[in-house]
Amino acid sequence: MWPWEHVLFAYIFLSLYMHVRHRAPPEHRPTVLLAFGSLFPDLVDKPLAWQYGLFETGWGIAHSVFVATAVSLLGYVVTRRASAGRVGVGFGVGYLLHLVGDVIPASLSRGRLYLDPVLWPFGDPITDMAHESFLGGVGTLLFEYTTQLLALEITPIVVLQLGSVALGGALWIYDGCPGLRGIVVWIHRSIVRDGSA
């Protein structure tokens, strides 16, 4: 999945949970942390693999379900002590849903459940093609993705990706764009505060 797909895939679950459980849209801070959590594994592992060669694939330590569970629980405990448990839950849910968002397409492309990408150091994910750099890896994958879309190759993986963007985007707009409004307000307050000093 691409970064925007990971974020919107995770947002679908957050939004549905909030509407069913609390009859309200997600709050700003948990939504921002959900987005960060849903990007976190790739922000760590892709550069470590593609730029620095520390892992053979872009699925390394941050994609490990063992590490993700521990980090998510630790984040929740720390934020709960600071009376901000929902923020910690947002990060943890985003992080764990990133792993789900990687397992589903990997499994679909193989025709069977494929958990190796999230079982580091025990799994043995198929090696990515060699990338000379982080930007080279992103460029190669973006070219392949764009080529597939332009050729109208509608596979189950493409349906998952486009469906995540369409449904997640629609829910996010319906919910009032949580996270974005909070960031805009924070930037505005920072500018006003700095401008009046």
C-alpha atoms as a PDB file:
ATOM      1  CA  MET A   1       0.000   0.000   0.000  1.00  0.00           C
ATOM      2  CA  TRP A   2       1.038   3.569  -0.589  1.00  0.00           C
ATOM      3  CA  PRO A   3       1.239   5.974   2.387  1.00  0.00           C
ATOM      4  CA  TRP A   4      -2.127   7.606   1.653  1.00  0.00           C
ATOM      5  CA  GLU A   5      -3.689   4.165   1.311  1.00  0.00           C
ATOM      6  CA  HIS A   6      -2.304   3.045   4.683  1.00  0.00           C
ATOM      7  CA  VAL A   7      -3.655   6.196   6.346  1.00  0.00           C
ATOM      8  CA  LEU A   8      -7.111   5.928   4.801  1.00  0.00           C
ATOM      9  CA  PHE A   9      -7.297   2.145   5.346  1.00  0.00           C
ATOM     10  CA  ALA A  10      -6.661   2.713   9.070  1.00  0.00           C
ATOM     11  CA  TYR A  11      -9.043   5.678   9.136  1.00  0.00           C
ATOM     12  CA  ILE A  12     -11.932   3.490   7.925  1.00  0.00           C
ATOM     13  CA  PHE A  13     -11.642   1.361  11.061  1.00  0.00           C
ATOM     14  CA  LEU A  14     -11.225   4.345  13.397  1.00  0.00           C
ATOM     15  CA  SER A  15     -14.212   6.167  11.935  1.00  0.00           C
ATOM     16  CA  LEU A  16     -16.498   3.141  11.983  1.00  0.00           C
ATOM     17  CA  TYR A  17     -15.478   2.325  15.557  1.00  0.00           C
ATOM     18  CA  MET A  18     -16.086   5.895  16.742  1.00  0.00           C
ATOM     19  CA  HIS A  19     -19.482   6.113  15.042  1.00  0.00           C
ATOM     20  CA  VAL A  20     -20.660   2.727  16.345  1.00  0.00           C
ATOM     21  CA  ARG A  21     -19.222   3.034  19.857  1.00  0.00           C
ATOM     22  CA  HIS A  22     -19.452   6.782  20.583  1.00  0.00           C
ATOM     23  CA  ARG A  23     -21.834   8.058  17.887  1.00  0.00           C
ATOM     24  CA  ALA A  24     -19.296  10.755  17.061  1.00  0.00           C
ATOM     25  CA  PRO A  25     -16.519  11.281  14.525  1.00  0.00           C
ATOM     26  CA  PRO A  26     -12.887  10.737  15.526  1.00  0.00           C
ATOM     27  CA  GLU A  27     -11.182  13.536  17.434  1.00  0.00           C
ATOM     28  CA  HIS A  28      -8.284  15.501  15.949  1.00  0.00           C
ATOM     29  CA  ARG A  29      -5.318  14.321  18.038  1.00  0.00           C
ATOM     30  CA  PRO A  30      -6.071  10.588  17.848  1.00  0.00           C
ATOM     31  CA  THR A  31      -6.596  10.947  14.093  1.00  0.00           C
ATOM     32  CA  VAL A  32      -3.201  12.613  13.625  1.00  0.00           C
ATOM     33  CA  LEU A  33      -1.544   9.889  15.706  1.00  0.00           C
ATOM     34  CA  LEU A  34      -3.463   7.216  13.783  1.00  0.00           C
ATOM     35  CA  ALA A  35      -2.025   8.643  10.566  1.00  0.00           C
ATOM     36  CA  PHE A  36       1.495   8.705  12.027  1.00  0.00           C
ATOM     37  CA  GLY A  37       1.120   5.163  13.372  1.00  0.00           C
ATOM     38  CA  SER A  38      -0.130   3.916  10.010  1.00  0.00           C
ATOM     39  CA  LEU A  39       3.006   5.325   8.346  1.00  0.00           C
ATOM     40  CA  PHE A  40       5.507   4.498  11.093  1.00  0.00           C
ATOM     41  CA  PRO A  41       6.668   1.041   9.911  1.00  0.00           C
ATOM     42  CA  ASP A  42       7.515   2.306   6.422  1.00  0.00           C
ATOM     43  CA  LEU A  43       9.158   5.465   7.781  1.00  0.00           C
ATOM     44  CA  VAL A  44      11.540   3.206   9.709  1.00  0.00           C
ATOM     45  CA  ASP A  45      12.057   0.118   7.552  1.00  0.00           C
ATOM     46  CA  LYS A  46      12.072   1.446   3.989  1.00  0.00           C
ATOM     47  CA  PRO A  47      15.009   3.837   4.521  1.00  0.00           C
ATOM     48  CA  LEU A  48      16.870   1.242   6.615  1.00  0.00           C
ATOM     49  CA  ALA A  49      16.513  -1.307   3.796  1.00  0.00           C
ATOM     50  CA  TRP A  50      16.665   0.765   0.647  1.00  0.00           C
ATOM     51  CA  GLN A  51      19.030   3.534   1.680  1.00  0.00           C
ATOM     52  CA  TYR A  52      21.265   1.850   4.247  1.00  0.00           C
ATOM     53  CA  GLY A  53      20.979  -1.857   3.408  1.00  0.00           C
ATOM     54  CA  LEU A  54      20.288  -2.944   7.005  1.00  0.00           C
ATOM     55  CA  PHE A  55      17.452  -5.249   5.906  1.00  0.00           C
ATOM     56  CA  GLU A  56      17.021  -7.262   2.728  1.00  0.00           C
ATOM     57  CA  THR A  57      13.454  -6.019   2.300  1.00  0.00           C
ATOM     58  CA  GLY A  58      11.355  -3.028   3.283  1.00  0.00           C
ATOM     59  CA  TRP A  59       9.738  -5.315   5.868  1.00  0.00           C
ATOM     60  CA  GLY A  60      12.083  -5.220   8.856  1.00  0.00           C
ATOM     61  CA  ILE A  61      11.992  -4.578  12.572  1.00  0.00           C
ATOM     62  CA  ALA A  62       9.214  -1.961  12.515  1.00  0.00           C
ATOM     63  CA  HIS A  63       6.974  -4.343  10.540  1.00  0.00           C
ATOM     64  CA  SER A  64       7.345  -7.071  13.169  1.00  0.00           C
ATOM     65  CA  VAL A  65       4.040  -7.840  14.889  1.00  0.00           C
ATOM     66  CA  PHE A  66       6.092  -8.494  18.028  1.00  0.00           C
ATOM     67  CA  VAL A  67       7.686  -5.035  17.965  1.00  0.00           C
ATOM     68  CA  ALA A  68       4.441  -3.349  16.871  1.00  0.00           C
ATOM     69  CA  THR A  69       2.491  -4.896  19.740  1.00  0.00           C
ATOM     70  CA  ALA A  70       5.109  -3.894  22.307  1.00  0.00           C
ATOM     71  CA  VAL A  71       5.466  -0.336  20.958  1.00  0.00           C
ATOM     72  CA  SER A  72       1.681   0.097  20.738  1.00  0.00           C
ATOM     73  CA  LEU A  73       1.152  -1.095  24.322  1.00  0.00           C
ATOM     74  CA  LEU A  74       3.988   1.092  25.584  1.00  0.00           C
ATOM     75  CA  GLY A  75       2.539   4.099  23.747  1.00  0.00           C
ATOM     76  CA  TYR A  76      -0.846   3.470  25.300  1.00  0.00           C
ATOM     77  CA  VAL A  77       0.579   3.119  28.832  1.00  0.00           C
ATOM     78  CA  VAL A  78       2.625   6.318  28.501  1.00  0.00           C
ATOM     79  CA  THR A  79      -0.250   8.354  27.063  1.00  0.00           C
ATOM     80  CA  ARG A  80      -2.737   6.934  29.551  1.00  0.00           C
ATOM     81  CA  ARG A  81      -0.549   8.138  32.419  1.00  0.00           C
ATOM     82  CA  ALA A  82      -0.599  11.560  30.783  1.00  0.00           C
ATOM     83  CA  SER A  83      -4.421  11.336  30.591  1.00  0.00           C
ATOM     84  CA  ALA A  84      -4.259  11.116  26.812  1.00  0.00           C
ATOM     85  CA  GLY A  85      -5.034   7.425  26.295  1.00  0.00           C
ATOM     86  CA  ARG A  86      -7.035   7.999  23.116  1.00  0.00           C
ATOM     87  CA  VAL A  87      -3.971   9.544  21.501  1.00  0.00           C
ATOM     88  CA  GLY A  88      -1.917   6.450  22.310  1.00  0.00           C
ATOM     89  CA  VAL A  89      -4.681   4.203  21.043  1.00  0.00           C
ATOM     90  CA  GLY A  90      -4.732   6.194  17.789  1.00  0.00           C
ATOM     91  CA  PHE A  91      -1.022   5.551  17.225  1.00  0.00           C
ATOM     92  CA  GLY A  92      -1.248   1.883  18.179  1.00  0.00           C
ATOM     93  CA  VAL A  93      -4.299   1.192  16.035  1.00  0.00           C
ATOM     94  CA  GLY A  94      -2.686   2.921  13.054  1.00  0.00           C
ATOM     95  CA  TYR A  95       0.537   0.976  13.574  1.00  0.00           C
ATOM     96  CA  LEU A  96      -1.178  -2.419  13.836  1.00  0.00           C
ATOM     97  CA  LEU A  97      -3.500  -1.707  10.903  1.00  0.00           C
ATOM     98  CA  HIS A  98      -0.443  -0.890   8.784  1.00  0.00           C
ATOM     99  CA  LEU A  99       0.639  -4.490   9.276  1.00  0.00           C
ATOM    100  CA  VAL A 100      -2.819  -5.753   8.286  1.00  0.00           C
ATOM    101  CA  GLY A 101      -2.658  -3.467   5.248  1.00  0.00           C
ATOM    102  CA  ASP A 102       0.610  -5.121   4.211  1.00  0.00           C
ATOM    103  CA  VAL A 103      -0.482  -8.704   4.875  1.00  0.00           C
ATOM    104  CA  ILE A 104      -3.698  -8.491   2.831  1.00  0.00           C
ATOM    105  CA  PRO A 105      -2.077  -7.534  -0.518  1.00  0.00           C
ATOM    106  CA  ALA A 106       0.874  -9.890   0.068  1.00  0.00           C
ATOM    107  CA  SER A 107      -1.607 -12.706   0.710  1.00  0.00           C
ATOM    108  CA  LEU A 108      -3.806 -11.785  -2.260  1.00  0.00           C
ATOM    109  CA  SER A 109      -0.831 -11.797  -4.623  1.00  0.00           C
ATOM    110  CA  ARG A 110       0.183 -15.280  -3.433  1.00  0.00           C
ATOM    111  CA  GLY A 111      -3.278 -16.809  -3.185  1.00  0.00           C
ATOM    112  CA  ARG A 112      -2.716 -17.819   0.447  1.00  0.00           C
ATOM    113  CA  LEU A 113      -2.271 -16.245   3.860  1.00  0.00           C
ATOM    114  CA  TYR A 114       1.250 -14.802   3.869  1.00  0.00           C
ATOM    115  CA  LEU A 115       2.404 -13.533   7.266  1.00  0.00           C
ATOM    116  CA  ASP A 116       6.180 -13.478   6.734  1.00  0.00           C
ATOM    117  CA  PRO A 117       6.342  -9.681   6.241  1.00  0.00           C
ATOM    118  CA  VAL A 118       5.166  -9.155   9.837  1.00  0.00           C
ATOM    119  CA  LEU A 119       7.083 -11.978  11.528  1.00  0.00           C
ATOM    120  CA  TRP A 120      10.541 -10.380  11.636  1.00  0.00           C
ATOM    121  CA  PRO A 121      13.029 -11.793  12.659  1.00  0.00           C
ATOM    122  CA  PHE A 122      11.389 -15.205  12.194  1.00  0.00           C
ATOM    123  CA  GLY A 123       9.631 -14.673   8.873  1.00  0.00           C
ATOM    124  CA  ASP A 124      11.379 -14.885   5.543  1.00  0.00           C
ATOM    125  CA  PRO A 125       9.709 -12.327   3.288  1.00  0.00           C
ATOM    126  CA  ILE A 126      10.552 -12.511  -0.372  1.00  0.00           C
ATOM    127  CA  THR A 127      13.350 -10.088  -1.072  1.00  0.00           C
ATOM    128  CA  ASP A 128      12.369  -6.796  -2.668  1.00  0.00           C
ATOM    129  CA  MET A 129      14.094  -5.942  -5.854  1.00  0.00           C
ATOM    130  CA  ALA A 130      17.389  -4.262  -5.065  1.00  0.00           C
ATOM    131  CA  HIS A 131      17.045  -0.515  -4.664  1.00  0.00           C
ATOM    132  CA  GLU A 132      20.017   1.794  -4.876  1.00  0.00           C
ATOM    133  CA  SER A 133      18.368   4.359  -2.615  1.00  0.00           C
ATOM    134  CA  PHE A 134      15.165   5.209  -0.805  1.00  0.00           C
ATOM    135  CA  LEU A 135      14.057   7.554  -3.590  1.00  0.00           C
ATOM    136  CA  GLY A 136      14.987   4.966  -6.201  1.00  0.00           C
ATOM    137  CA  GLY A 137      12.815   2.380  -4.456  1.00  0.00           C
ATOM    138  CA  VAL A 138       9.863   4.729  -4.228  1.00  0.00           C
ATOM    139  CA  GLY A 139      10.291   5.763  -7.858  1.00  0.00           C
ATOM    140  CA  THR A 140      10.430   2.170  -9.090  1.00  0.00           C
ATOM    141  CA  LEU A 141       7.326   1.133  -7.153  1.00  0.00           C
ATOM    142  CA  LEU A 142       5.414   4.271  -8.157  1.00  0.00           C
ATOM    143  CA  PHE A 143       6.227   3.628 -11.815  1.00  0.00           C
ATOM    144  CA  GLU A 144       4.971   0.020 -11.542  1.00  0.00           C
ATOM    145  CA  TYR A 145       1.814   1.127  -9.725  1.00  0.00           C
ATOM    146  CA  THR A 146       1.045   3.880 -12.243  1.00  0.00           C
ATOM    147  CA  THR A 147       1.684   1.536 -15.169  1.00  0.00           C
ATOM    148  CA  GLN A 148      -0.714  -1.007 -13.672  1.00  0.00           C
ATOM    149  CA  LEU A 149      -3.420   1.616 -13.167  1.00  0.00           C
ATOM    150  CA  LEU A 150      -3.004   3.091 -16.650  1.00  0.00           C
ATOM    151  CA  ALA A 151      -3.210  -0.389 -18.176  1.00  0.00           C
ATOM    152  CA  LEU A 152      -6.504  -0.805 -16.300  1.00  0.00           C
ATOM    153  CA  GLU A 153      -5.212  -3.954 -14.597  1.00  0.00           C
ATOM    154  CA  ILE A 154      -7.895  -4.143 -11.937  1.00  0.00           C
ATOM    155  CA  THR A 155      -6.648  -6.826  -9.567  1.00  0.00           C
ATOM    156  CA  PRO A 156      -7.980  -7.555  -6.069  1.00  0.00           C
ATOM    157  CA  ILE A 157      -5.022  -5.588  -4.713  1.00  0.00           C
ATOM    158  CA  VAL A 158      -5.880  -2.527  -6.812  1.00  0.00           C
ATOM    159  CA  VAL A 159      -9.516  -2.814  -5.686  1.00  0.00           C
ATOM    160  CA  LEU A 160      -8.320  -2.894  -2.053  1.00  0.00           C
ATOM    161  CA  GLN A 161      -6.094   0.134  -2.593  1.00  0.00           C
ATOM    162  CA  LEU A 162      -8.600   2.233  -4.518  1.00  0.00           C
ATOM    163  CA  GLY A 163     -11.417   1.131  -2.217  1.00  0.00           C
ATOM    164  CA  SER A 164      -9.403   2.226   0.817  1.00  0.00           C
ATOM    165  CA  VAL A 165      -8.826   5.636  -0.736  1.00  0.00           C
ATOM    166  CA  ALA A 166     -12.447   6.089  -1.831  1.00  0.00           C
ATOM    167  CA  LEU A 167     -14.141   4.851   1.350  1.00  0.00           C
ATOM    168  CA  GLY A 168     -11.533   6.271   3.731  1.00  0.00           C
ATOM    169  CA  GLY A 169     -11.568   9.628   1.967  1.00  0.00           C
ATOM    170  CA  ALA A 170     -15.365   9.770   1.956  1.00  0.00           C
ATOM    171  CA  LEU A 171     -15.543   8.938   5.672  1.00  0.00           C
ATOM    172  CA  TRP A 172     -12.828  11.470   6.488  1.00  0.00           C
ATOM    173  CA  ILE A 173     -14.695  14.234   4.633  1.00  0.00           C
ATOM    174  CA  TYR A 174     -18.009  13.152   6.189  1.00  0.00           C
ATOM    175  CA  ASP A 175     -16.356  13.322   9.632  1.00  0.00           C
ATOM    176  CA  GLY A 176     -15.242  16.919   9.019  1.00  0.00           C
ATOM    177  CA  CYS A 177     -11.611  16.205   8.086  1.00  0.00           C
ATOM    178  CA  PRO A 178     -10.392  15.452  11.630  1.00  0.00           C
ATOM    179  CA  GLY A 179      -6.712  15.925  12.083  1.00  0.00           C
ATOM    180  CA  LEU A 180      -6.404  18.441   9.271  1.00  0.00           C
ATOM    181  CA  ARG A 181      -8.531  21.041  11.030  1.00  0.00           C
ATOM    182  CA  GLY A 182      -6.559  20.483  14.232  1.00  0.00           C
ATOM    183  CA  ILE A 183      -3.258  20.997  12.430  1.00  0.00           C
ATOM    184  CA  VAL A 184      -4.525  24.143  10.675  1.00  0.00           C
ATOM    185  CA  VAL A 185      -5.748  25.581  13.999  1.00  0.00           C
ATOM    186  CA  TRP A 186      -2.420  24.742  15.659  1.00  0.00           C
ATOM    187  CA  ILE A 187      -0.448  26.427  12.837  1.00  0.00           C
ATOM    188  CA  HIS A 188      -2.733  29.475  12.960  1.00  0.00           C
ATOM    189  CA  ARG A 189      -2.314  29.799  16.732  1.00  0.00           C
ATOM    190  CA  SER A 190       1.452  29.450  16.381  1.00  0.00           C
ATOM    191  CA  ILE A 191       1.586  32.201  13.758  1.00  0.00           C
ATOM    192  CA  VAL A 192      -0.669  34.514  15.768  1.00  0.00           C
ATOM    193  CA  ARG A 193       1.302  33.852  18.966  1.00  0.00           C
ATOM    194  CA  ASP A 194       4.669  34.391  17.241  1.00  0.00           C
ATOM    195  CA  GLY A 195       3.373  37.456  15.415  1.00  0.00           C
ATOM    196  CA  SER A 196       2.211  39.120  18.626  1.00  0.00           C
ATOM    197  CA  ALA A 197       5.469  38.513  20.504  1.00  0.00           C
END
